[in-house]
Amino acid sequence: MLLAVDVGNTQTVIGAYRGSDLAGHWRVSTSSNQTGDELALYYQGFLMLKGLTFADFDAVIVSSVVPTATMSLEHMTRECWDFDALIVGKNISAGISVLVDNPKEVGPDRLVNAVAAFERYGGPSIVVDFGTATTLDAISGSGEYLGGVIAPGIEISSQALFRAAARLTRVDMYRPPSVIGKNTVWSLQSGIIFGFAGQVDRLVELMREELDDGVTVVATGGLAEVIVDECHTVQFHDPLLTLHGLRLIYEREKKEE
């Protein structure tokens, strides 16, 4: 079995694959302070919920944008198994052409998403990832990574507003009854939900002008479910896109051995 781990700045998504079948998956808060030994206990608990143990796995693949968490995962893998974790961008390549000025600047999660999007939806395509940052990445009709957009994420932008405005307090991220808010809570919800949806739609429209016809738009990320229904340009919501990409990269590597 394969253990696939996508470590983001805010959330970590864990997937257990038996071949191409996802036997279980979990979304948890990212901690940059946990040691490898602490992670082992943590992961063991999740696996037990699905009747799995460390002995069931023969490979671990990781996409991470948090260096300290990456080190802990590498330590956990060496301690719990007799092999090293495959780290995208370190000891395993995403296997995709990256047509930007400096390919090393592109986060591994964005490349993994591109691999998955092209395999599942074809190209040209745009992946909208609603995470700590909202990113939009373009994939060509030939499966090349062309570049993208990075915008402040929904949650960090909202938190900045709540901290800076003394009379505004945190609200639940739900769709309000109307765009024109009848109270402060609805007004905030309107600005967050419809405002960020509008931002994504406009960016997609501009990116489409620079791509070939027939662009497919896919949304993923921990905050996608909050906004995606209001995004008129998004065609598919694939919350586990990055895990699928990690599995594909592992399978390609295995075939080449």
Protein backbone atom coordinates (compact mmCIF):
# COMPACT_ATOMS: atom_id res chain seq x y z
CA MET A 1 0.00 0.00 0.00
CA LEU A 2 0.95 3.63 -0.48
CA LEU A 3 0.73 6.38 2.14
CA ALA A 4 0.34 9.76 0.40
CA VAL A 5 0.76 12.95 2.44
CA ASP A 6 0.09 16.51 1.26
CA VAL A 7 1.41 19.02 3.80
CA GLY A 8 0.06 22.54 3.35
CA ASN A 9 0.70 25.59 5.49
CA THR A 10 -2.67 25.23 7.22
CA GLN A 11 -3.89 21.68 6.62
CA THR A 12 -2.39 18.27 5.92
CA VAL A 13 -4.26 15.69 3.84
CA ILE A 14 -3.37 12.02 4.29
CA GLY A 15 -4.42 9.22 1.95
CA ALA A 16 -4.00 5.45 2.15
CA TYR A 17 -4.01 3.77 -1.27
CA ARG A 18 -4.43 0.11 -2.02
CA GLY A 19 -3.40 0.14 -5.66
CA SER A 20 -5.50 2.88 -7.26
CA ASP A 21 -8.24 2.58 -4.63
CA LEU A 22 -8.33 5.11 -1.80
CA ALA A 23 -8.79 3.01 1.33
CA GLY A 24 -9.01 6.00 3.65
CA HIS A 25 -8.25 9.70 3.85
CA TRP A 26 -7.99 12.32 6.57
CA ARG A 27 -7.65 16.13 6.71
CA VAL A 28 -5.93 17.55 9.80
CA SER A 29 -4.31 20.80 10.94
CA THR A 30 -0.65 21.12 9.97
CA SER A 31 1.78 21.24 12.87
CA SER A 32 5.34 22.33 12.22
CA ASN A 33 6.45 21.40 15.74
CA GLN A 34 5.63 17.69 15.96
CA THR A 35 8.58 15.30 16.01
CA GLY A 36 8.77 12.17 13.88
CA ASP A 37 7.93 10.05 16.92
CA GLU A 38 4.87 12.17 17.69
CA LEU A 39 3.75 11.88 14.06
CA ALA A 40 4.08 8.10 14.24
CA LEU A 41 1.60 7.94 17.11
CA TYR A 42 -0.69 10.42 15.36
CA TYR A 43 -0.73 8.54 12.04
CA GLN A 44 -1.07 5.18 13.75
CA GLY A 45 -4.35 6.35 15.28
CA PHE A 46 -5.79 7.41 11.92
CA LEU A 47 -4.80 4.16 10.25
CA MET A 48 -6.39 2.10 13.02
CA LEU A 49 -9.74 3.73 12.22
CA LYS A 50 -9.63 1.91 8.88
CA GLY A 51 -8.19 -1.32 10.28
CA LEU A 52 -4.72 -0.54 8.92
CA THR A 53 -1.24 -0.67 10.46
CA PHE A 54 2.19 0.53 9.39
CA ALA A 55 2.98 -3.03 8.29
CA ASP A 56 0.41 -2.69 5.47
CA PHE A 57 2.45 0.00 3.67
CA ASP A 58 5.47 -0.36 1.44
CA ALA A 59 5.88 3.25 0.26
CA VAL A 60 5.36 6.83 1.47
CA ILE A 61 5.18 9.84 -0.84
CA VAL A 62 5.04 13.43 0.37
CA SER A 63 4.30 16.85 -1.07
CA SER A 64 5.15 19.51 1.49
CA VAL A 65 5.56 23.29 1.68
CA VAL A 66 6.55 23.19 5.37
CA PRO A 67 10.24 22.20 5.74
CA THR A 68 10.08 21.27 9.44
CA ALA A 69 7.07 19.02 8.83
CA THR A 70 8.91 17.42 5.91
CA MET A 71 11.85 16.57 8.18
CA SER A 72 9.53 15.00 10.75
CA LEU A 73 7.84 12.89 8.08
CA GLU A 74 11.22 11.73 6.81
CA HIS A 75 12.22 10.78 10.35
CA MET A 76 8.92 8.95 10.94
CA THR A 77 9.30 6.97 7.72
CA ARG A 78 12.85 5.87 8.52
CA GLU A 79 11.86 4.86 12.05
CA CYS A 80 8.66 2.99 11.13
CA TRP A 81 9.80 1.39 7.87
CA ASP A 82 13.11 0.34 6.34
CA PHE A 83 12.92 2.82 3.44
CA ASP A 84 13.00 6.57 2.83
CA ALA A 85 9.97 8.70 2.07
CA LEU A 86 9.66 9.95 -1.50
CA ILE A 87 9.63 13.76 -1.30
CA VAL A 88 8.37 15.52 -4.43
CA GLY A 89 10.99 18.03 -5.54
CA LYS A 90 13.74 16.40 -3.47
CA ASN A 91 14.25 12.73 -4.33
CA ILE A 92 11.40 12.29 -6.79
CA SER A 93 10.31 14.55 -9.66
CA ALA A 94 6.74 15.51 -10.44
CA GLY A 95 7.49 14.41 -14.01
CA ILE A 96 6.00 17.47 -15.67
CA SER A 97 7.57 20.16 -17.88
CA VAL A 98 7.64 23.43 -15.95
CA LEU A 99 7.69 26.40 -18.33
CA VAL A 100 8.42 29.26 -15.94
CA ASP A 101 11.48 31.45 -15.34
CA ASN A 102 12.63 29.50 -12.29
CA PRO A 103 11.00 26.06 -11.90
CA LYS A 104 12.42 25.71 -8.37
CA GLU A 105 10.14 28.53 -7.20
CA VAL A 106 6.97 26.53 -7.93
CA GLY A 107 5.57 24.73 -4.88
CA PRO A 108 5.48 20.93 -5.17
CA ASP A 109 1.77 20.87 -4.38
CA ARG A 110 1.04 23.03 -7.44
CA LEU A 111 2.98 20.66 -9.69
CA VAL A 112 1.29 17.61 -8.15
CA ASN A 113 -2.10 19.24 -8.77
CA ALA A 114 -1.13 19.88 -12.39
CA VAL A 115 -0.20 16.23 -12.89
CA ALA A 116 -3.53 15.08 -11.44
CA ALA A 117 -5.63 17.64 -13.32
CA PHE A 118 -4.13 16.75 -16.68
CA GLU A 119 -4.60 13.03 -16.11
CA ARG A 120 -8.18 13.36 -14.83
CA TYR A 121 -9.51 16.28 -16.90
CA GLY A 122 -7.07 16.77 -19.77
CA GLY A 123 -5.73 20.09 -20.97
CA PRO A 124 -5.69 22.95 -21.24
CA SER A 125 -6.90 23.30 -17.69
CA ILE A 126 -6.77 25.61 -14.68
CA VAL A 127 -6.50 24.38 -11.10
CA VAL A 128 -7.88 26.70 -8.42
CA ASP A 129 -6.51 25.71 -5.02
CA PHE A 130 -8.26 27.34 -2.05
CA GLY A 131 -5.68 27.05 0.73
CA THR A 132 -3.66 29.43 2.86
CA ALA A 133 -3.16 31.23 -0.43
CA THR A 134 -5.59 31.00 -3.32
CA THR A 135 -3.58 29.79 -6.30
CA LEU A 136 -4.60 29.37 -9.93
CA ASP A 137 -2.33 27.22 -12.08
CA ALA A 138 -2.41 26.78 -15.85
CA ILE A 139 -1.72 23.48 -17.62
CA SER A 140 -1.32 23.33 -21.39
CA GLY A 141 -3.04 20.97 -23.78
CA SER A 142 0.18 18.93 -23.76
CA GLY A 143 0.33 18.67 -19.98
CA GLU A 144 2.96 21.35 -19.38
CA TYR A 145 2.88 23.60 -16.33
CA LEU A 146 2.66 27.15 -17.69
CA GLY A 147 2.59 29.27 -14.53
CA GLY A 148 -0.16 30.80 -12.46
CA VAL A 149 -1.51 33.30 -9.99
CA ILE A 150 -1.05 33.62 -6.21
CA ALA A 151 -3.58 35.64 -4.21
CA PRO A 152 -4.13 36.03 -0.45
CA GLY A 153 -6.23 33.17 0.89
CA ILE A 154 -9.79 33.46 2.16
CA GLU A 155 -9.08 32.72 5.80
CA ILE A 156 -5.94 34.83 6.27
CA SER A 157 -7.54 37.78 4.49
CA SER A 158 -10.64 37.53 6.67
CA GLN A 159 -8.56 37.21 9.85
CA ALA A 160 -6.59 40.32 8.92
CA LEU A 161 -9.85 42.25 8.58
CA PHE A 162 -11.17 41.04 11.92
CA ARG A 163 -7.90 41.97 13.66
CA ALA A 164 -7.72 45.44 12.13
CA ALA A 165 -11.37 46.47 12.56
CA ALA A 166 -12.31 46.70 16.23
CA ARG A 167 -16.07 46.51 15.65
CA LEU A 168 -15.97 43.54 13.25
CA THR A 169 -15.89 40.04 14.68
CA ARG A 170 -15.25 36.66 13.11
CA VAL A 171 -18.23 35.13 11.28
CA ASP A 172 -19.01 31.65 10.03
CA MET A 173 -18.28 31.27 6.34
CA TYR A 174 -21.79 30.58 5.06
CA ARG A 175 -23.65 31.97 2.07
CA PRO A 176 -25.83 34.88 3.27
CA PRO A 177 -29.49 35.16 2.16
CA SER A 178 -28.67 38.08 -0.15
CA VAL A 179 -25.70 39.99 -1.53
CA ILE A 180 -26.94 43.20 0.11
CA GLY A 181 -26.44 42.46 3.80
CA LYS A 182 -29.17 43.45 6.26
CA ASN A 183 -26.79 43.22 9.21
CA THR A 184 -23.05 43.15 9.86
CA VAL A 185 -22.78 39.35 9.83
CA TRP A 186 -24.54 39.02 6.47
CA SER A 187 -22.50 41.91 5.07
CA LEU A 188 -19.25 40.23 6.06
CA GLN A 189 -20.38 36.87 4.70
CA SER A 190 -21.36 38.52 1.43
CA GLY A 191 -17.99 40.19 1.07
CA ILE A 192 -16.13 36.97 1.82
CA ILE A 193 -18.21 34.46 -0.16
CA PHE A 194 -19.22 36.52 -3.20
CA GLY A 195 -16.10 38.67 -3.14
CA PHE A 196 -13.64 35.79 -3.34
CA ALA A 197 -15.82 33.95 -5.85
CA GLY A 198 -15.79 37.06 -8.04
CA GLN A 199 -12.01 37.32 -7.71
CA VAL A 200 -11.56 33.74 -8.90
CA ASP A 201 -14.02 34.13 -11.78
CA ARG A 202 -12.26 37.26 -13.05
CA LEU A 203 -8.81 35.68 -12.82
CA VAL A 204 -10.04 32.58 -14.66
CA GLU A 205 -11.50 34.77 -17.41
CA LEU A 206 -8.19 36.58 -17.85
CA MET A 207 -6.21 33.31 -17.86
CA ARG A 208 -8.56 31.81 -20.44
CA GLU A 209 -7.70 34.66 -22.80
CA GLU A 210 -4.07 33.50 -22.71
CA LEU A 211 -4.82 29.80 -23.14
CA ASP A 212 -6.26 27.64 -25.91
CA ASP A 213 -10.00 27.12 -26.27
CA GLY A 214 -11.80 24.51 -24.19
CA VAL A 215 -10.18 25.22 -20.82
CA THR A 216 -11.38 23.01 -17.95
CA VAL A 217 -11.43 24.61 -14.49
CA VAL A 218 -10.99 22.42 -11.41
CA ALA A 219 -11.20 23.55 -7.77
CA THR A 220 -9.49 21.88 -4.83
CA GLY A 221 -8.17 22.78 -1.38
CA GLY A 222 -9.53 22.85 2.14
CA LEU A 223 -11.59 26.02 1.69
CA ALA A 224 -13.00 25.20 -1.75
CA GLU A 225 -16.34 23.98 -0.43
CA VAL A 226 -16.96 27.42 1.10
CA ILE A 227 -16.69 29.29 -2.22
CA VAL A 228 -16.91 26.91 -5.14
CA ASP A 229 -20.70 26.91 -5.54
CA GLU A 230 -20.59 30.67 -6.17
CA CYS A 231 -17.79 30.45 -8.77
CA HIS A 232 -19.44 30.45 -12.20
CA THR A 233 -16.22 29.47 -13.99
CA VAL A 234 -15.44 26.33 -11.95
CA GLN A 235 -16.63 23.12 -13.58
CA PHE A 236 -15.33 20.46 -11.17
CA HIS A 237 -14.69 20.29 -7.44
CA ASP A 238 -12.04 17.67 -6.66
CA PRO A 239 -11.09 17.92 -2.94
CA LEU A 240 -8.57 15.06 -3.13
CA LEU A 241 -6.83 16.20 -6.32
CA THR A 242 -3.39 16.44 -4.69
CA LEU A 243 -3.59 12.93 -3.26
CA HIS A 244 -4.48 11.58 -6.70
CA GLY A 245 -1.48 13.41 -8.13
CA LEU A 246 0.85 11.91 -5.54
CA ARG A 247 -0.41 8.43 -6.37
CA LEU A 248 0.12 9.03 -10.11
CA ILE A 249 3.67 10.28 -9.55
CA TYR A 250 4.47 7.23 -7.42
CA GLU A 251 3.03 4.83 -9.98
CA ARG A 252 5.06 6.42 -12.78
CA GLU A 253 8.22 6.16 -10.70
CA LYS A 254 7.51 2.51 -9.94
CA LYS A 255 7.03 1.69 -13.63
CA GLU A 256 10.38 3.26 -14.48
CA GLU A 257 12.29 1.19 -11.92
